[in-house]
């Protein structure tokens, strides 16, 4: 199972320091972008430069994802857009035209039944187990039930879980059927991110 450390910063200096701290921890990172409108916090609201030796996924907690994807989407392998802010069927068609995987993120209160008609055409879903926008938000186990519901509708979908992942909660995600997880504060706020990653991997065994 892949574990993606997340990047959530306010300026290039913070980003450079975080890259130094996470050196050797992972070759793939999960970038969280927030506009202060869709969620209260603002992160990555600057002209950022990412290190070219890594791969990146991005979670767009923003009101106008299409415009953002047109200008900055090429930097990222997977682009998770909130189901709640787009016309899902139109967005699916547009992403297919861009030759990109279709990736939706869903807030804890969003029901899988609302997505039923669109899930046939989706490649990845990011299930949030916290209210989005902040490091260290309160973990909620209930949204993990959505993983089985999603996979019943489309078994091919890869499900990523993000929110409050630590050596205890990652076991919940695995048991619920997650294909990968994002870990934010447990890794990035740790004194030893390498040790934190080892602890997460140990919990998977």
N, C-alpha and C. Protein backbone atom coordinates (compact mmCIF):
# COMPACT_ATOMS: atom_id res chain seq x y z
N UNK A 1 0.84 -1.20 0.00
CA UNK A 1 0.00 0.00 0.00
C UNK A 1 0.87 1.25 0.00
N UNK A 2 0.47 2.23 -0.82
CA UNK A 2 1.22 3.48 -0.86
C UNK A 2 0.78 4.40 0.27
N UNK A 3 1.76 5.06 0.87
CA UNK A 3 1.50 6.09 1.88
C UNK A 3 2.11 7.38 1.35
N UNK A 4 1.26 8.37 1.09
CA UNK A 4 1.74 9.65 0.56
C UNK A 4 1.85 10.68 1.68
N UNK A 5 3.06 11.20 1.96
CA UNK A 5 3.14 12.35 2.86
C UNK A 5 2.49 13.55 2.17
N UNK A 6 1.78 14.37 2.93
CA UNK A 6 1.15 15.52 2.30
C UNK A 6 1.95 16.79 2.54
N UNK A 7 1.84 17.69 1.57
CA UNK A 7 2.50 19.00 1.63
C UNK A 7 1.40 20.05 1.75
N UNK A 8 1.52 20.90 2.79
CA UNK A 8 0.53 21.95 3.02
C UNK A 8 1.28 23.16 3.57
N UNK A 9 1.56 24.14 2.70
CA UNK A 9 2.43 25.27 3.09
C UNK A 9 1.84 26.59 2.59
N UNK A 10 2.43 27.70 3.09
CA UNK A 10 1.94 29.04 2.75
C UNK A 10 2.88 29.83 1.84
N UNK A 11 4.13 29.37 1.73
CA UNK A 11 5.08 30.10 0.88
C UNK A 11 6.22 29.17 0.46
N UNK A 12 7.05 29.62 -0.47
CA UNK A 12 8.12 28.77 -1.01
C UNK A 12 9.15 28.40 0.05
N UNK A 13 9.41 29.31 0.98
CA UNK A 13 10.38 29.01 2.04
C UNK A 13 9.91 27.82 2.88
N UNK A 14 8.63 27.84 3.26
CA UNK A 14 8.07 26.71 4.03
C UNK A 14 8.16 25.42 3.22
N UNK A 15 7.90 25.52 1.92
CA UNK A 15 7.94 24.34 1.06
C UNK A 15 9.35 23.78 0.97
N UNK A 16 10.33 24.65 0.79
CA UNK A 16 11.72 24.21 0.71
C UNK A 16 12.17 23.53 2.00
N UNK A 17 11.77 24.10 3.13
CA UNK A 17 12.12 23.51 4.43
C UNK A 17 11.45 22.15 4.62
N UNK A 18 10.21 22.04 4.15
CA UNK A 18 9.49 20.76 4.27
C UNK A 18 10.13 19.70 3.39
N UNK A 19 10.55 20.08 2.18
CA UNK A 19 11.26 19.13 1.32
C UNK A 19 12.54 18.64 2.00
N UNK A 20 13.27 19.55 2.65
CA UNK A 20 14.49 19.15 3.38
C UNK A 20 14.16 18.15 4.48
N UNK A 21 13.10 18.45 5.22
CA UNK A 21 12.70 17.60 6.35
C UNK A 21 12.26 16.22 5.87
N UNK A 22 11.59 16.17 4.70
CA UNK A 22 11.04 14.91 4.20
C UNK A 22 11.98 14.18 3.24
N UNK A 23 13.21 14.65 3.14
CA UNK A 23 14.19 14.03 2.24
C UNK A 23 14.38 12.56 2.62
N UNK A 24 14.22 11.66 1.64
CA UNK A 24 14.41 10.23 1.88
C UNK A 24 13.19 9.52 2.45
N UNK A 25 12.10 10.25 2.68
CA UNK A 25 10.90 9.65 3.27
C UNK A 25 10.03 9.00 2.19
N UNK A 26 9.90 9.67 1.04
CA UNK A 26 9.05 9.16 -0.04
C UNK A 26 9.49 9.76 -1.37
N UNK A 27 9.12 9.07 -2.44
CA UNK A 27 9.38 9.61 -3.79
C UNK A 27 8.11 10.19 -4.40
N UNK A 28 7.01 10.08 -3.65
CA UNK A 28 5.73 10.60 -4.12
C UNK A 28 5.07 11.40 -3.01
N UNK A 29 4.51 12.55 -3.36
CA UNK A 29 3.89 13.42 -2.38
C UNK A 29 2.48 13.82 -2.80
N UNK A 30 1.71 14.20 -1.79
CA UNK A 30 0.32 14.61 -1.98
C UNK A 30 0.24 16.09 -1.62
N UNK A 31 -0.08 16.92 -2.59
CA UNK A 31 -0.12 18.37 -2.40
C UNK A 31 -1.55 18.81 -2.10
N UNK A 32 -1.74 19.53 -0.99
CA UNK A 32 -3.06 20.05 -0.62
C UNK A 32 -3.14 21.53 -0.97
N UNK A 33 -4.10 21.90 -1.80
CA UNK A 33 -4.26 23.29 -2.19
C UNK A 33 -5.64 23.77 -1.74
N UNK A 34 -5.66 24.89 -1.00
CA UNK A 34 -6.91 25.43 -0.46
C UNK A 34 -7.00 26.92 -0.74
N UNK A 35 -8.20 27.36 -1.16
CA UNK A 35 -8.35 28.74 -1.63
C UNK A 35 -8.94 29.71 -0.62
N UNK A 36 -9.29 29.20 0.58
CA UNK A 36 -9.90 30.09 1.57
C UNK A 36 -11.37 30.36 1.29
N UNK A 37 -11.94 29.72 0.25
CA UNK A 37 -13.35 29.90 -0.11
C UNK A 37 -14.09 28.58 0.10
N UNK A 38 -13.64 27.53 -0.59
CA UNK A 38 -14.25 26.21 -0.42
C UNK A 38 -14.00 25.69 1.00
N UNK A 39 -12.82 25.99 1.53
CA UNK A 39 -12.49 25.69 2.94
C UNK A 39 -11.95 26.97 3.56
N UNK A 40 -11.98 27.09 4.90
CA UNK A 40 -11.55 28.36 5.52
C UNK A 40 -10.06 28.67 5.36
N UNK A 41 -9.24 27.64 5.23
CA UNK A 41 -7.79 27.88 5.19
C UNK A 41 -7.30 28.19 3.77
N UNK A 42 -6.13 28.84 3.71
CA UNK A 42 -5.47 29.11 2.43
C UNK A 42 -4.09 28.47 2.46
N UNK A 43 -3.83 27.54 1.55
CA UNK A 43 -2.50 26.95 1.42
C UNK A 43 -2.14 26.82 -0.06
N UNK A 44 -0.86 26.94 -0.34
CA UNK A 44 -0.34 26.90 -1.71
C UNK A 44 -0.96 27.99 -2.59
N UNK A 45 -1.22 29.15 -1.99
CA UNK A 45 -1.73 30.28 -2.77
C UNK A 45 -0.56 31.20 -3.17
N UNK A 46 0.42 30.60 -3.84
CA UNK A 46 1.58 31.35 -4.33
C UNK A 46 2.13 30.61 -5.55
N UNK A 47 3.00 31.23 -6.28
CA UNK A 47 3.57 30.63 -7.49
C UNK A 47 4.66 29.64 -7.09
N UNK A 48 4.24 28.42 -6.75
CA UNK A 48 5.16 27.46 -6.13
C UNK A 48 6.02 26.71 -7.16
N UNK A 49 7.18 26.26 -6.68
CA UNK A 49 8.07 25.44 -7.48
C UNK A 49 8.29 24.11 -6.76
N UNK A 50 7.96 23.01 -7.43
CA UNK A 50 8.13 21.68 -6.86
C UNK A 50 9.43 21.06 -7.33
N UNK A 51 9.99 20.17 -6.53
CA UNK A 51 11.23 19.49 -6.92
C UNK A 51 10.93 18.43 -7.99
N UNK A 52 11.69 18.45 -9.06
CA UNK A 52 11.39 17.61 -10.23
C UNK A 52 11.70 16.13 -10.02
N UNK A 53 12.43 15.79 -8.95
CA UNK A 53 12.79 14.38 -8.76
C UNK A 53 11.66 13.54 -8.15
N UNK A 54 10.58 14.20 -7.75
CA UNK A 54 9.47 13.48 -7.12
C UNK A 54 8.24 13.45 -8.03
N UNK A 55 7.30 12.55 -7.68
CA UNK A 55 5.98 12.52 -8.33
C UNK A 55 4.98 13.16 -7.38
N UNK A 56 3.91 13.72 -7.96
CA UNK A 56 2.94 14.44 -7.13
C UNK A 56 1.50 14.15 -7.54
N UNK A 57 0.65 14.00 -6.51
CA UNK A 57 -0.80 14.07 -6.68
C UNK A 57 -1.24 15.38 -6.05
N UNK A 58 -2.41 15.86 -6.41
CA UNK A 58 -2.89 17.11 -5.81
C UNK A 58 -4.37 16.99 -5.44
N UNK A 59 -4.70 17.56 -4.29
CA UNK A 59 -6.08 17.62 -3.80
C UNK A 59 -6.50 19.09 -3.84
N UNK A 60 -7.43 19.41 -4.73
CA UNK A 60 -7.86 20.80 -4.92
C UNK A 60 -9.08 21.11 -4.06
N UNK A 61 -8.85 21.84 -2.98
CA UNK A 61 -9.94 22.30 -2.12
C UNK A 61 -10.27 23.73 -2.54
N UNK A 62 -10.75 23.85 -3.78
CA UNK A 62 -10.97 25.17 -4.37
C UNK A 62 -12.30 25.21 -5.13
N UNK A 63 -12.79 26.43 -5.37
CA UNK A 63 -14.08 26.62 -6.01
C UNK A 63 -14.04 26.45 -7.53
N UNK A 64 -12.91 26.79 -8.15
CA UNK A 64 -12.86 26.74 -9.62
C UNK A 64 -11.71 25.83 -10.09
N UNK A 65 -11.88 24.51 -9.93
CA UNK A 65 -10.77 23.60 -10.25
C UNK A 65 -10.41 23.55 -11.73
N UNK A 66 -11.38 23.71 -12.60
CA UNK A 66 -11.09 23.60 -14.03
C UNK A 66 -10.07 24.65 -14.48
N UNK A 67 -10.28 25.88 -14.05
CA UNK A 67 -9.35 26.97 -14.39
C UNK A 67 -7.95 26.66 -13.87
N UNK A 68 -7.89 26.15 -12.64
CA UNK A 68 -6.59 25.82 -12.03
C UNK A 68 -5.90 24.70 -12.81
N UNK A 69 -6.65 23.67 -13.19
CA UNK A 69 -6.09 22.53 -13.93
C UNK A 69 -5.52 22.99 -15.27
N UNK A 70 -6.21 23.91 -15.92
CA UNK A 70 -5.74 24.42 -17.22
C UNK A 70 -4.38 25.09 -17.11
N UNK A 71 -4.13 25.76 -15.99
CA UNK A 71 -2.86 26.49 -15.84
C UNK A 71 -1.76 25.67 -15.16
N UNK A 72 -2.14 24.80 -14.21
CA UNK A 72 -1.11 24.12 -13.39
C UNK A 72 -1.20 22.60 -13.36
N UNK A 73 -2.18 22.02 -14.04
CA UNK A 73 -2.43 20.58 -13.93
C UNK A 73 -1.32 19.68 -14.43
N UNK A 74 -0.48 20.17 -15.34
CA UNK A 74 0.55 19.32 -15.95
C UNK A 74 1.60 18.84 -14.95
N UNK A 75 1.71 19.52 -13.82
CA UNK A 75 2.71 19.14 -12.82
C UNK A 75 2.34 17.87 -12.05
N UNK A 76 1.08 17.43 -12.18
CA UNK A 76 0.57 16.40 -11.29
C UNK A 76 0.10 15.15 -12.03
N UNK A 77 0.36 13.99 -11.42
CA UNK A 77 -0.09 12.71 -11.98
C UNK A 77 -1.60 12.55 -11.81
N UNK A 78 -2.08 12.76 -10.59
CA UNK A 78 -3.50 12.63 -10.29
C UNK A 78 -4.00 13.95 -9.69
N UNK A 79 -5.18 14.37 -10.14
CA UNK A 79 -5.75 15.64 -9.66
C UNK A 79 -7.12 15.34 -9.05
N UNK A 80 -7.19 15.43 -7.72
CA UNK A 80 -8.45 15.16 -7.02
C UNK A 80 -9.25 16.46 -6.87
N UNK A 81 -10.43 16.47 -7.49
CA UNK A 81 -11.30 17.63 -7.48
C UNK A 81 -12.54 17.31 -6.64
N UNK A 82 -13.02 18.27 -5.89
CA UNK A 82 -14.18 17.99 -5.04
C UNK A 82 -15.45 17.83 -5.86
N UNK A 83 -16.07 16.69 -5.64
CA UNK A 83 -17.32 16.33 -6.31
C UNK A 83 -18.38 17.41 -6.08
N UNK A 84 -18.28 18.05 -4.92
CA UNK A 84 -19.32 19.00 -4.51
C UNK A 84 -19.28 20.33 -5.27
N UNK A 85 -18.18 20.63 -5.98
CA UNK A 85 -18.06 21.96 -6.60
C UNK A 85 -18.14 21.95 -8.13
N UNK A 86 -18.30 20.78 -8.74
CA UNK A 86 -18.34 20.72 -10.21
C UNK A 86 -19.65 20.09 -10.68
N UNK A 87 -19.92 20.25 -11.96
CA UNK A 87 -20.95 19.46 -12.62
C UNK A 87 -20.27 18.13 -12.94
N UNK A 88 -20.55 17.07 -12.16
CA UNK A 88 -19.75 15.85 -12.26
C UNK A 88 -19.67 15.24 -13.66
N UNK A 89 -20.80 15.11 -14.34
CA UNK A 89 -20.78 14.45 -15.65
C UNK A 89 -20.00 15.28 -16.68
N UNK A 90 -20.15 16.60 -16.63
CA UNK A 90 -19.40 17.48 -17.54
C UNK A 90 -17.91 17.42 -17.22
N UNK A 91 -17.59 17.37 -15.92
CA UNK A 91 -16.18 17.32 -15.52
C UNK A 91 -15.54 16.00 -15.94
N UNK A 92 -16.26 14.90 -15.80
CA UNK A 92 -15.77 13.59 -16.24
C UNK A 92 -15.40 13.64 -17.72
N UNK A 93 -16.30 14.17 -18.54
CA UNK A 93 -16.06 14.26 -19.98
C UNK A 93 -14.84 15.13 -20.29
N UNK A 94 -14.74 16.24 -19.58
CA UNK A 94 -13.62 17.17 -19.81
C UNK A 94 -12.28 16.53 -19.45
N UNK A 95 -12.22 15.82 -18.32
CA UNK A 95 -10.98 15.16 -17.92
C UNK A 95 -10.60 14.05 -18.90
N UNK A 96 -11.60 13.34 -19.41
CA UNK A 96 -11.32 12.31 -20.42
C UNK A 96 -10.71 12.94 -21.67
N UNK A 97 -11.22 14.12 -22.04
CA UNK A 97 -10.67 14.85 -23.19
C UNK A 97 -9.22 15.27 -22.94
N UNK A 98 -8.89 15.56 -21.67
CA UNK A 98 -7.52 15.94 -21.31
C UNK A 98 -6.59 14.73 -21.20
N UNK A 99 -7.18 13.52 -21.40
CA UNK A 99 -6.42 12.26 -21.26
C UNK A 99 -5.86 12.10 -19.84
N UNK A 100 -6.65 12.54 -18.87
CA UNK A 100 -6.29 12.43 -17.46
C UNK A 100 -7.26 11.49 -16.75
N UNK A 101 -6.76 10.80 -15.71
CA UNK A 101 -7.66 10.00 -14.88
C UNK A 101 -8.68 10.92 -14.21
N UNK A 102 -9.88 10.39 -14.00
CA UNK A 102 -10.91 11.16 -13.30
C UNK A 102 -10.82 10.84 -11.81
N UNK A 103 -10.55 11.87 -11.01
CA UNK A 103 -10.35 11.69 -9.57
C UNK A 103 -11.25 12.66 -8.81
N UNK A 104 -12.12 12.12 -7.98
CA UNK A 104 -12.98 12.97 -7.16
C UNK A 104 -12.59 12.83 -5.69
N UNK A 105 -12.66 13.95 -4.96
CA UNK A 105 -12.55 13.94 -3.50
C UNK A 105 -13.94 14.20 -2.94
N UNK A 106 -14.23 13.56 -1.81
CA UNK A 106 -15.56 13.77 -1.20
C UNK A 106 -15.41 14.10 0.28
N UNK A 107 -16.19 15.10 0.70
CA UNK A 107 -16.20 15.52 2.10
C UNK A 107 -16.90 14.46 2.96
N UNK A 108 -16.67 14.47 4.26
CA UNK A 108 -17.27 13.45 5.14
C UNK A 108 -18.79 13.34 5.03
N UNK A 109 -19.46 14.47 4.76
CA UNK A 109 -20.94 14.43 4.73
C UNK A 109 -21.52 14.05 3.37
N UNK A 110 -20.68 13.96 2.34
CA UNK A 110 -21.17 13.60 1.00
C UNK A 110 -21.48 12.10 0.94
N UNK A 111 -22.67 11.78 0.46
CA UNK A 111 -23.10 10.39 0.41
C UNK A 111 -22.73 9.75 -0.93
N UNK A 112 -22.34 8.49 -0.89
CA UNK A 112 -21.98 7.76 -2.11
C UNK A 112 -23.19 7.65 -3.04
N UNK A 113 -24.38 7.56 -2.46
CA UNK A 113 -25.61 7.45 -3.28
C UNK A 113 -25.78 8.64 -4.22
N UNK A 114 -25.26 9.81 -3.81
CA UNK A 114 -25.33 11.01 -4.66
C UNK A 114 -24.47 10.87 -5.90
N UNK A 115 -23.45 10.00 -5.82
CA UNK A 115 -22.46 9.86 -6.89
C UNK A 115 -22.71 8.65 -7.79
N UNK A 116 -23.73 7.89 -7.45
CA UNK A 116 -23.92 6.56 -8.05
C UNK A 116 -23.82 6.57 -9.58
N UNK A 117 -24.47 7.52 -10.23
CA UNK A 117 -24.50 7.54 -11.70
C UNK A 117 -23.16 7.89 -12.32
N UNK A 118 -22.31 8.58 -11.56
CA UNK A 118 -21.01 9.04 -12.10
C UNK A 118 -19.87 8.07 -11.84
N UNK A 119 -20.00 7.23 -10.82
CA UNK A 119 -18.87 6.39 -10.39
C UNK A 119 -18.40 5.39 -11.45
N UNK A 120 -19.27 5.05 -12.38
CA UNK A 120 -18.89 4.14 -13.47
C UNK A 120 -17.72 4.69 -14.27
N UNK A 121 -17.63 6.03 -14.33
CA UNK A 121 -16.63 6.68 -15.19
C UNK A 121 -15.43 7.23 -14.41
N UNK A 122 -15.38 6.93 -13.12
CA UNK A 122 -14.35 7.50 -12.25
C UNK A 122 -13.22 6.49 -12.03
N UNK A 123 -11.98 7.00 -11.95
CA UNK A 123 -10.80 6.14 -11.74
C UNK A 123 -10.35 6.10 -10.28
N UNK A 124 -10.44 7.24 -9.59
CA UNK A 124 -9.96 7.34 -8.21
C UNK A 124 -10.92 8.18 -7.38
N UNK A 125 -11.08 7.80 -6.11
CA UNK A 125 -11.86 8.61 -5.17
C UNK A 125 -11.04 8.82 -3.90
N UNK A 126 -10.99 10.05 -3.45
CA UNK A 126 -10.33 10.41 -2.19
C UNK A 126 -11.42 10.56 -1.13
N UNK A 127 -11.42 9.65 -0.17
CA UNK A 127 -12.38 9.69 0.93
C UNK A 127 -11.74 10.44 2.10
N UNK A 128 -12.36 11.55 2.49
CA UNK A 128 -11.83 12.34 3.60
C UNK A 128 -12.41 11.87 4.93
N UNK A 129 -11.52 11.62 5.88
CA UNK A 129 -11.95 11.22 7.22
C UNK A 129 -11.75 12.37 8.22
N UNK A 130 -11.65 13.57 7.68
CA UNK A 130 -11.63 14.81 8.47
C UNK A 130 -12.38 15.87 7.66
N UNK A 131 -12.78 16.95 8.31
CA UNK A 131 -13.28 18.09 7.55
C UNK A 131 -12.06 18.77 6.93
N UNK A 132 -12.08 19.02 5.62
CA UNK A 132 -10.87 19.41 4.90
C UNK A 132 -10.36 20.81 5.19
N UNK A 133 -9.03 20.97 4.97
CA UNK A 133 -8.43 22.29 4.99
C UNK A 133 -7.40 22.53 6.07
N UNK A 134 -7.27 21.63 7.03
CA UNK A 134 -6.35 21.86 8.15
C UNK A 134 -5.55 20.60 8.48
N UNK A 135 -4.27 20.80 8.86
CA UNK A 135 -3.50 19.71 9.44
C UNK A 135 -4.06 19.41 10.83
N UNK A 136 -4.14 18.14 11.17
CA UNK A 136 -4.50 17.77 12.53
C UNK A 136 -5.97 17.89 12.87
N UNK A 137 -6.86 17.93 11.85
CA UNK A 137 -8.30 17.99 12.13
C UNK A 137 -8.77 16.67 12.75
N UNK A 138 -9.91 16.71 13.40
CA UNK A 138 -10.43 15.54 14.15
C UNK A 138 -10.79 14.39 13.21
N UNK A 139 -10.22 13.23 13.47
CA UNK A 139 -10.44 12.02 12.66
C UNK A 139 -11.85 11.46 12.88
N UNK A 140 -12.47 11.04 11.78
CA UNK A 140 -13.80 10.42 11.84
C UNK A 140 -13.73 9.06 11.14
N UNK A 141 -14.13 8.02 11.83
CA UNK A 141 -14.06 6.67 11.26
C UNK A 141 -15.22 6.36 10.30
N UNK A 142 -16.38 6.96 10.55
CA UNK A 142 -17.59 6.64 9.79
C UNK A 142 -17.43 6.75 8.27
N UNK A 143 -16.76 7.79 7.73
CA UNK A 143 -16.64 7.89 6.27
C UNK A 143 -15.97 6.69 5.60
N UNK A 144 -15.24 5.89 6.38
CA UNK A 144 -14.57 4.72 5.79
C UNK A 144 -15.57 3.69 5.25
N UNK A 145 -16.83 3.76 5.73
CA UNK A 145 -17.86 2.85 5.22
C UNK A 145 -18.12 3.09 3.73
N UNK A 146 -17.77 4.29 3.27
CA UNK A 146 -18.01 4.63 1.86
C UNK A 146 -17.15 3.80 0.91
N UNK A 147 -16.00 3.31 1.40
CA UNK A 147 -15.09 2.57 0.52
C UNK A 147 -15.79 1.34 -0.06
N UNK A 148 -16.42 0.56 0.79
CA UNK A 148 -17.13 -0.64 0.32
C UNK A 148 -18.29 -0.27 -0.61
N UNK A 149 -18.98 0.83 -0.29
CA UNK A 149 -20.11 1.28 -1.12
C UNK A 149 -19.61 1.68 -2.52
N UNK A 150 -18.49 2.39 -2.57
CA UNK A 150 -17.90 2.82 -3.85
C UNK A 150 -17.49 1.60 -4.67
N UNK A 151 -16.82 0.66 -4.02
CA UNK A 151 -16.30 -0.50 -4.74
C UNK A 151 -17.40 -1.47 -5.18
N UNK A 152 -18.54 -1.43 -4.50
CA UNK A 152 -19.69 -2.23 -4.95
C UNK A 152 -20.21 -1.69 -6.29
N UNK A 153 -20.19 -0.38 -6.43
CA UNK A 153 -20.68 0.25 -7.66
C UNK A 153 -19.65 0.10 -8.78
N UNK A 154 -18.37 0.31 -8.46
CA UNK A 154 -17.30 0.18 -9.45
C UNK A 154 -16.05 -0.40 -8.78
N UNK A 155 -15.87 -1.72 -8.87
CA UNK A 155 -14.74 -2.38 -8.20
C UNK A 155 -13.36 -1.91 -8.69
N UNK A 156 -13.31 -1.28 -9.86
CA UNK A 156 -12.02 -0.86 -10.42
C UNK A 156 -11.50 0.44 -9.80
N UNK A 157 -12.35 1.17 -9.12
CA UNK A 157 -11.94 2.45 -8.53
C UNK A 157 -10.89 2.23 -7.45
N UNK A 158 -9.84 3.06 -7.49
CA UNK A 158 -8.83 3.06 -6.43
C UNK A 158 -9.23 4.12 -5.40
N UNK A 159 -9.28 3.72 -4.13
CA UNK A 159 -9.71 4.65 -3.08
C UNK A 159 -8.53 5.06 -2.20
N UNK A 160 -8.36 6.37 -2.10
CA UNK A 160 -7.33 6.98 -1.25
C UNK A 160 -8.02 7.55 -0.02
N UNK A 161 -7.44 7.33 1.16
CA UNK A 161 -8.01 7.87 2.40
C UNK A 161 -7.08 8.95 2.95
N UNK A 162 -7.68 10.07 3.34
CA UNK A 162 -6.89 11.19 3.86
C UNK A 162 -7.58 11.77 5.07
N UNK A 163 -6.80 11.92 6.15
CA UNK A 163 -7.34 12.56 7.34
C UNK A 163 -7.05 11.80 8.62
N UNK A 164 -6.15 12.36 9.43
CA UNK A 164 -5.88 11.76 10.74
C UNK A 164 -5.20 10.41 10.69
N UNK A 165 -4.45 10.14 9.61
CA UNK A 165 -3.80 8.83 9.50
C UNK A 165 -2.56 8.73 10.39
N UNK A 166 -2.58 7.77 11.29
CA UNK A 166 -1.46 7.47 12.19
C UNK A 166 -1.40 5.95 12.33
N UNK A 167 -0.47 5.39 13.11
CA UNK A 167 -0.34 3.93 13.17
C UNK A 167 -1.61 3.19 13.63
N UNK A 168 -2.50 3.87 14.33
CA UNK A 168 -3.75 3.23 14.76
C UNK A 168 -4.82 3.35 13.68
N UNK A 169 -5.04 4.57 13.19
CA UNK A 169 -6.14 4.80 12.24
C UNK A 169 -5.87 4.22 10.86
N UNK A 170 -4.60 4.07 10.50
CA UNK A 170 -4.28 3.49 9.19
C UNK A 170 -4.81 2.04 9.11
N UNK A 171 -4.87 1.37 10.25
CA UNK A 171 -5.42 0.00 10.29
C UNK A 171 -6.91 0.01 9.94
N UNK A 172 -7.61 1.06 10.39
CA UNK A 172 -9.03 1.20 10.05
C UNK A 172 -9.19 1.32 8.53
N UNK A 173 -8.33 2.14 7.92
CA UNK A 173 -8.40 2.39 6.48
C UNK A 173 -8.14 1.11 5.69
N UNK A 174 -7.14 0.36 6.12
CA UNK A 174 -6.80 -0.90 5.44
C UNK A 174 -7.96 -1.90 5.56
N UNK A 175 -8.49 -2.01 6.77
CA UNK A 175 -9.59 -2.95 7.03
C UNK A 175 -10.82 -2.58 6.19
N UNK A 176 -11.00 -1.28 5.96
CA UNK A 176 -12.17 -0.81 5.20
C UNK A 176 -11.99 -0.97 3.69
N UNK A 177 -10.74 -1.29 3.26
CA UNK A 177 -10.53 -1.55 1.84
C UNK A 177 -9.80 -0.47 1.07
N UNK A 178 -9.16 0.46 1.77
CA UNK A 178 -8.42 1.54 1.10
C UNK A 178 -7.27 0.98 0.27
N UNK A 179 -6.99 1.62 -0.85
CA UNK A 179 -5.87 1.21 -1.70
C UNK A 179 -4.60 1.99 -1.36
N UNK A 180 -4.75 3.17 -0.78
CA UNK A 180 -3.61 4.02 -0.41
C UNK A 180 -4.09 5.03 0.63
N UNK A 181 -3.14 5.63 1.34
CA UNK A 181 -3.50 6.66 2.33
C UNK A 181 -2.56 7.86 2.21
N UNK A 182 -3.06 8.99 2.70
CA UNK A 182 -2.26 10.21 2.84
C UNK A 182 -2.04 10.43 4.32
N UNK A 183 -0.82 10.77 4.69
CA UNK A 183 -0.55 11.12 6.09
C UNK A 183 0.07 12.51 6.12
N UNK A 184 -0.61 13.42 6.82
CA UNK A 184 -0.13 14.79 6.88
C UNK A 184 0.69 15.07 8.11
N UNK A 185 0.02 15.50 9.18
CA UNK A 185 0.74 15.97 10.36
C UNK A 185 1.54 14.87 11.05
N UNK A 186 1.08 13.62 11.00
CA UNK A 186 1.82 12.55 11.68
C UNK A 186 3.24 12.44 11.14
N UNK A 187 3.40 12.63 9.82
CA UNK A 187 4.74 12.58 9.22
C UNK A 187 5.42 13.94 9.27
N UNK A 188 4.76 14.97 8.76
CA UNK A 188 5.44 16.26 8.57
C UNK A 188 5.72 17.00 9.88
N UNK A 189 4.87 16.76 10.90
CA UNK A 189 5.10 17.42 12.19
C UNK A 189 5.99 16.58 13.12
N UNK A 190 6.35 15.40 12.65
CA UNK A 190 7.18 14.52 13.47
C UNK A 190 8.62 15.03 13.53
N UNK A 191 9.30 14.77 14.65
CA UNK A 191 10.71 15.13 14.75
C UNK A 191 11.54 14.29 13.79
N UNK A 192 11.09 13.06 13.53
CA UNK A 192 11.77 12.17 12.59
C UNK A 192 10.75 11.61 11.60
N UNK A 193 10.54 12.29 10.45
CA UNK A 193 9.58 11.80 9.47
C UNK A 193 9.88 10.38 8.98
N UNK A 194 11.16 10.02 8.87
CA UNK A 194 11.51 8.66 8.44
C UNK A 194 11.00 7.63 9.45
N UNK A 195 11.18 7.94 10.73
CA UNK A 195 10.70 7.05 11.79
C UNK A 195 9.18 6.95 11.75
N UNK A 196 8.51 8.10 11.52
CA UNK A 196 7.04 8.12 11.45
C UNK A 196 6.55 7.24 10.29
N UNK A 197 7.23 7.33 9.14
CA UNK A 197 6.85 6.50 8.00
C UNK A 197 7.06 5.02 8.31
N UNK A 198 8.16 4.70 8.98
CA UNK A 198 8.42 3.30 9.37
C UNK A 198 7.31 2.78 10.28
N UNK A 199 6.85 3.62 11.22
CA UNK A 199 5.78 3.22 12.14
C UNK A 199 4.48 2.94 11.38
N UNK A 200 4.19 3.78 10.38
CA UNK A 200 2.99 3.57 9.57
C UNK A 200 3.09 2.25 8.80
N UNK A 201 4.26 2.00 8.20
CA UNK A 201 4.46 0.77 7.41
C UNK A 201 4.37 -0.46 8.31
N UNK A 202 4.91 -0.34 9.52
CA UNK A 202 4.87 -1.46 10.47
C UNK A 202 3.42 -1.82 10.82
N UNK A 203 2.57 -0.78 10.90
CA UNK A 203 1.16 -1.00 11.23
C UNK A 203 0.40 -1.73 10.12
N UNK A 204 0.95 -1.70 8.92
CA UNK A 204 0.29 -2.38 7.78
C UNK A 204 0.53 -3.87 7.78
N UNK A 205 1.56 -4.33 8.54
CA UNK A 205 1.91 -5.75 8.51
C UNK A 205 0.97 -6.57 9.37
